[in-house]
Amino acid sequence: MDKILIEVFVPALARTYDVYIPLTTKLWEVETLLTGAIEELSNDYFAATRDTVLCVRTTGSVLDIGMSAQESGLHHGSRLMLI
């Protein structure tokens, strides 16, 4: 399975995380795993809601969670934001 290294910034925590994600997994799965891990790492200071989204950090455009990382054009070093 091919993976890419991305950077995820969480404004609610003012923290950045480097994460490997699989290229072919749908982003809704990636988002679910990321939110769970970040909730645990932050001792539940970050709490995901129905409105939590994964977006491109530089543009703010929300990613389509029905697409895979590869279909979304993500690559090594992509900078995302979880809000």
N, C-alpha and C. Protein backbone atom coordinates (compact mmCIF):
# COMPACT_ATOMS: atom_id res chain seq x y z
N MET A 1 0.85 -1.18 0.00
CA MET A 1 0.00 0.00 0.00
C MET A 1 0.89 1.24 0.00
N ASP A 2 0.67 2.12 -0.95
CA ASP A 2 1.43 3.36 -1.02
C ASP A 2 0.88 4.38 -0.04
N LYS A 3 1.79 5.05 0.65
CA LYS A 3 1.40 6.07 1.62
C LYS A 3 2.13 7.36 1.32
N ILE A 4 1.53 8.46 1.76
CA ILE A 4 2.17 9.76 1.64
C ILE A 4 2.24 10.41 3.01
N LEU A 5 3.22 11.27 3.18
CA LEU A 5 3.38 12.00 4.43
C LEU A 5 2.76 13.38 4.25
N ILE A 6 1.75 13.68 5.08
CA ILE A 6 1.09 14.99 5.02
C ILE A 6 1.25 15.70 6.36
N GLU A 7 1.00 16.98 6.34
CA GLU A 7 1.03 17.81 7.56
C GLU A 7 -0.40 18.25 7.84
N VAL A 8 -0.86 17.99 9.06
CA VAL A 8 -2.22 18.37 9.45
C VAL A 8 -2.14 19.39 10.57
N PHE A 9 -2.66 20.59 10.32
CA PHE A 9 -2.70 21.65 11.32
C PHE A 9 -4.09 21.65 11.96
N VAL A 10 -4.14 21.73 13.28
CA VAL A 10 -5.40 21.78 14.03
C VAL A 10 -5.45 23.12 14.75
N PRO A 11 -6.19 24.10 14.18
CA PRO A 11 -6.22 25.44 14.78
C PRO A 11 -6.71 25.46 16.23
N ALA A 12 -7.64 24.58 16.57
CA ALA A 12 -8.17 24.56 17.93
C ALA A 12 -7.10 24.24 18.96
N LEU A 13 -6.04 23.55 18.51
CA LEU A 13 -4.95 23.18 19.40
C LEU A 13 -3.68 23.98 19.13
N ALA A 14 -3.67 24.71 18.02
CA ALA A 14 -2.48 25.42 17.55
C ALA A 14 -1.30 24.45 17.44
N ARG A 15 -1.60 23.24 16.91
CA ARG A 15 -0.59 22.19 16.78
C ARG A 15 -0.62 21.63 15.36
N THR A 16 0.53 21.13 14.94
CA THR A 16 0.67 20.49 13.64
C THR A 16 1.14 19.06 13.85
N TYR A 17 0.58 18.16 13.06
CA TYR A 17 0.94 16.75 13.15
C TYR A 17 1.39 16.27 11.77
N ASP A 18 2.45 15.49 11.72
CA ASP A 18 2.89 14.84 10.49
C ASP A 18 2.34 13.42 10.51
N VAL A 19 1.63 13.07 9.44
CA VAL A 19 0.91 11.80 9.42
C VAL A 19 1.09 11.12 8.06
N TYR A 20 1.29 9.82 8.07
CA TYR A 20 1.27 9.04 6.85
C TYR A 20 -0.16 8.58 6.60
N ILE A 21 -0.63 8.78 5.38
CA ILE A 21 -1.97 8.30 5.02
C ILE A 21 -1.86 7.48 3.73
N PRO A 22 -2.71 6.47 3.58
CA PRO A 22 -2.69 5.68 2.35
C PRO A 22 -3.30 6.46 1.18
N LEU A 23 -2.72 6.29 0.02
CA LEU A 23 -3.19 7.01 -1.17
C LEU A 23 -4.59 6.59 -1.62
N THR A 24 -4.94 5.33 -1.42
CA THR A 24 -6.18 4.83 -1.99
C THR A 24 -7.36 4.78 -1.03
N THR A 25 -7.15 5.09 0.23
CA THR A 25 -8.24 5.09 1.21
C THR A 25 -9.06 6.37 1.07
N LYS A 26 -10.37 6.24 1.17
CA LYS A 26 -11.26 7.40 1.06
C LYS A 26 -10.98 8.37 2.21
N LEU A 27 -11.10 9.64 1.91
CA LEU A 27 -10.77 10.67 2.91
C LEU A 27 -11.71 10.66 4.10
N TRP A 28 -12.93 10.13 3.96
CA TRP A 28 -13.82 10.07 5.14
C TRP A 28 -13.23 9.11 6.17
N GLU A 29 -12.57 8.05 5.70
CA GLU A 29 -11.92 7.12 6.62
C GLU A 29 -10.69 7.76 7.26
N VAL A 30 -9.93 8.47 6.44
CA VAL A 30 -8.74 9.16 6.93
C VAL A 30 -9.14 10.19 7.98
N GLU A 31 -10.19 10.96 7.68
CA GLU A 31 -10.67 11.98 8.62
C GLU A 31 -11.11 11.36 9.94
N THR A 32 -11.80 10.24 9.87
CA THR A 32 -12.25 9.54 11.08
C THR A 32 -11.06 9.09 11.93
N LEU A 33 -10.06 8.51 11.28
CA LEU A 33 -8.87 8.06 12.00
C LEU A 33 -8.09 9.23 12.59
N LEU A 34 -7.96 10.30 11.79
CA LEU A 34 -7.24 11.49 12.27
C LEU A 34 -7.92 12.11 13.48
N THR A 35 -9.23 12.29 13.40
CA THR A 35 -9.93 12.93 14.52
C THR A 35 -9.83 12.08 15.78
N GLY A 36 -9.93 10.76 15.63
CA GLY A 36 -9.80 9.89 16.80
C GLY A 36 -8.42 9.99 17.43
N ALA A 37 -7.40 9.97 16.59
CA ALA A 37 -6.03 10.05 17.10
C ALA A 37 -5.76 11.41 17.75
N ILE A 38 -6.22 12.48 17.12
CA ILE A 38 -5.97 13.81 17.66
C ILE A 38 -6.76 14.05 18.94
N GLU A 39 -7.97 13.52 19.02
CA GLU A 39 -8.72 13.61 20.27
C GLU A 39 -7.95 12.93 21.40
N GLU A 40 -7.41 11.76 21.11
CA GLU A 40 -6.66 11.02 22.14
C GLU A 40 -5.36 11.73 22.50
N LEU A 41 -4.63 12.20 21.51
CA LEU A 41 -3.36 12.89 21.77
C LEU A 41 -3.55 14.19 22.55
N SER A 42 -4.70 14.83 22.36
CA SER A 42 -4.96 16.11 23.03
C SER A 42 -5.72 15.93 24.34
N ASN A 43 -5.85 14.68 24.80
CA ASN A 43 -6.63 14.40 26.02
C ASN A 43 -8.04 14.95 25.91
N ASP A 44 -8.63 14.78 24.73
CA ASP A 44 -10.01 15.20 24.42
C ASP A 44 -10.22 16.71 24.43
N TYR A 45 -9.12 17.49 24.36
CA TYR A 45 -9.28 18.93 24.23
C TYR A 45 -9.88 19.26 22.87
N PHE A 46 -9.46 18.51 21.84
CA PHE A 46 -10.08 18.62 20.52
C PHE A 46 -11.18 17.59 20.46
N ALA A 47 -12.39 18.02 20.13
CA ALA A 47 -13.52 17.09 20.02
C ALA A 47 -14.17 17.29 18.65
N ALA A 48 -14.11 16.25 17.84
CA ALA A 48 -14.71 16.31 16.50
C ALA A 48 -16.23 16.38 16.61
N THR A 49 -16.84 17.08 15.67
CA THR A 49 -18.31 17.15 15.58
C THR A 49 -18.72 16.75 14.16
N ARG A 50 -20.01 16.80 13.90
CA ARG A 50 -20.51 16.52 12.55
C ARG A 50 -19.98 17.54 11.56
N ASP A 51 -19.63 18.71 12.03
CA ASP A 51 -19.17 19.79 11.17
C ASP A 51 -17.65 19.81 10.95
N THR A 52 -16.92 18.87 11.55
CA THR A 52 -15.47 18.81 11.38
C THR A 52 -15.15 18.51 9.93
N VAL A 53 -14.21 19.28 9.36
CA VAL A 53 -13.84 19.08 7.96
C VAL A 53 -12.32 19.07 7.81
N LEU A 54 -11.89 18.45 6.75
CA LEU A 54 -10.49 18.41 6.36
C LEU A 54 -10.35 19.29 5.13
N CYS A 55 -9.47 20.27 5.20
CA CYS A 55 -9.33 21.20 4.08
C CYS A 55 -7.87 21.48 3.77
N VAL A 56 -7.65 22.07 2.61
CA VAL A 56 -6.31 22.46 2.20
C VAL A 56 -5.92 23.69 3.00
N ARG A 57 -4.78 23.64 3.64
CA ARG A 57 -4.39 24.72 4.55
C ARG A 57 -4.17 26.06 3.84
N THR A 58 -3.57 26.03 2.66
CA THR A 58 -3.23 27.28 1.98
C THR A 58 -4.43 27.98 1.36
N THR A 59 -5.43 27.21 0.93
CA THR A 59 -6.59 27.81 0.26
C THR A 59 -7.86 27.79 1.09
N GLY A 60 -7.94 26.86 2.04
CA GLY A 60 -9.14 26.72 2.84
C GLY A 60 -10.23 25.91 2.15
N SER A 61 -9.94 25.39 0.96
CA SER A 61 -10.96 24.62 0.25
C SER A 61 -11.15 23.26 0.92
N VAL A 62 -12.41 22.91 1.13
CA VAL A 62 -12.77 21.68 1.81
C VAL A 62 -12.57 20.50 0.86
N LEU A 63 -11.94 19.45 1.36
CA LEU A 63 -11.71 18.26 0.54
C LEU A 63 -12.97 17.41 0.48
N ASP A 64 -13.19 16.78 -0.66
CA ASP A 64 -14.31 15.87 -0.86
C ASP A 64 -13.96 14.56 -0.18
N ILE A 65 -14.63 14.24 0.92
CA ILE A 65 -14.28 13.04 1.69
C ILE A 65 -14.70 11.76 0.99
N GLY A 66 -15.42 11.86 -0.11
CA GLY A 66 -15.79 10.69 -0.89
C GLY A 66 -14.69 10.26 -1.85
N MET A 67 -13.63 11.05 -1.93
CA MET A 67 -12.52 10.75 -2.83
C MET A 67 -11.34 10.23 -2.02
N SER A 68 -10.43 9.57 -2.70
CA SER A 68 -9.20 9.11 -2.03
C SER A 68 -8.19 10.25 -2.04
N ALA A 69 -7.10 10.08 -1.30
CA ALA A 69 -6.04 11.09 -1.28
C ALA A 69 -5.48 11.28 -2.68
N GLN A 70 -5.31 10.18 -3.39
CA GLN A 70 -4.78 10.24 -4.76
C GLN A 70 -5.74 10.99 -5.68
N GLU A 71 -7.02 10.68 -5.60
CA GLU A 71 -8.03 11.35 -6.44
C GLU A 71 -8.12 12.83 -6.12
N SER A 72 -7.81 13.19 -4.87
CA SER A 72 -7.87 14.59 -4.44
C SER A 72 -6.63 15.38 -4.83
N GLY A 73 -5.62 14.68 -5.35
CA GLY A 73 -4.39 15.35 -5.75
C GLY A 73 -3.41 15.58 -4.61
N LEU A 74 -3.62 14.90 -3.49
CA LEU A 74 -2.69 15.04 -2.37
C LEU A 74 -1.39 14.32 -2.69
N HIS A 75 -0.30 14.79 -2.12
CA HIS A 75 1.03 14.24 -2.38
C HIS A 75 1.88 14.42 -1.14
N HIS A 76 3.10 13.87 -1.17
CA HIS A 76 4.03 14.06 -0.05
C HIS A 76 4.17 15.55 0.24
N GLY A 77 4.01 15.91 1.49
CA GLY A 77 4.19 17.29 1.89
C GLY A 77 2.93 18.15 1.80
N SER A 78 1.80 17.56 1.39
CA SER A 78 0.56 18.34 1.36
C SER A 78 0.25 18.85 2.75
N ARG A 79 -0.21 20.10 2.81
CA ARG A 79 -0.51 20.73 4.10
C ARG A 79 -2.02 20.88 4.22
N LEU A 80 -2.59 20.18 5.20
CA LEU A 80 -4.02 20.20 5.42
C LEU A 80 -4.35 20.82 6.77
N MET A 81 -5.63 21.08 6.95
CA MET A 81 -6.10 21.68 8.21
C MET A 81 -7.36 20.93 8.62
N LEU A 82 -7.47 20.59 9.89
CA LEU A 82 -8.63 19.90 10.43
C LEU A 82 -9.37 20.89 11.31
N ILE A 83 -10.55 21.31 10.86
CA ILE A 83 -11.33 22.30 11.62
C ILE A 83 -12.74 21.79 11.87
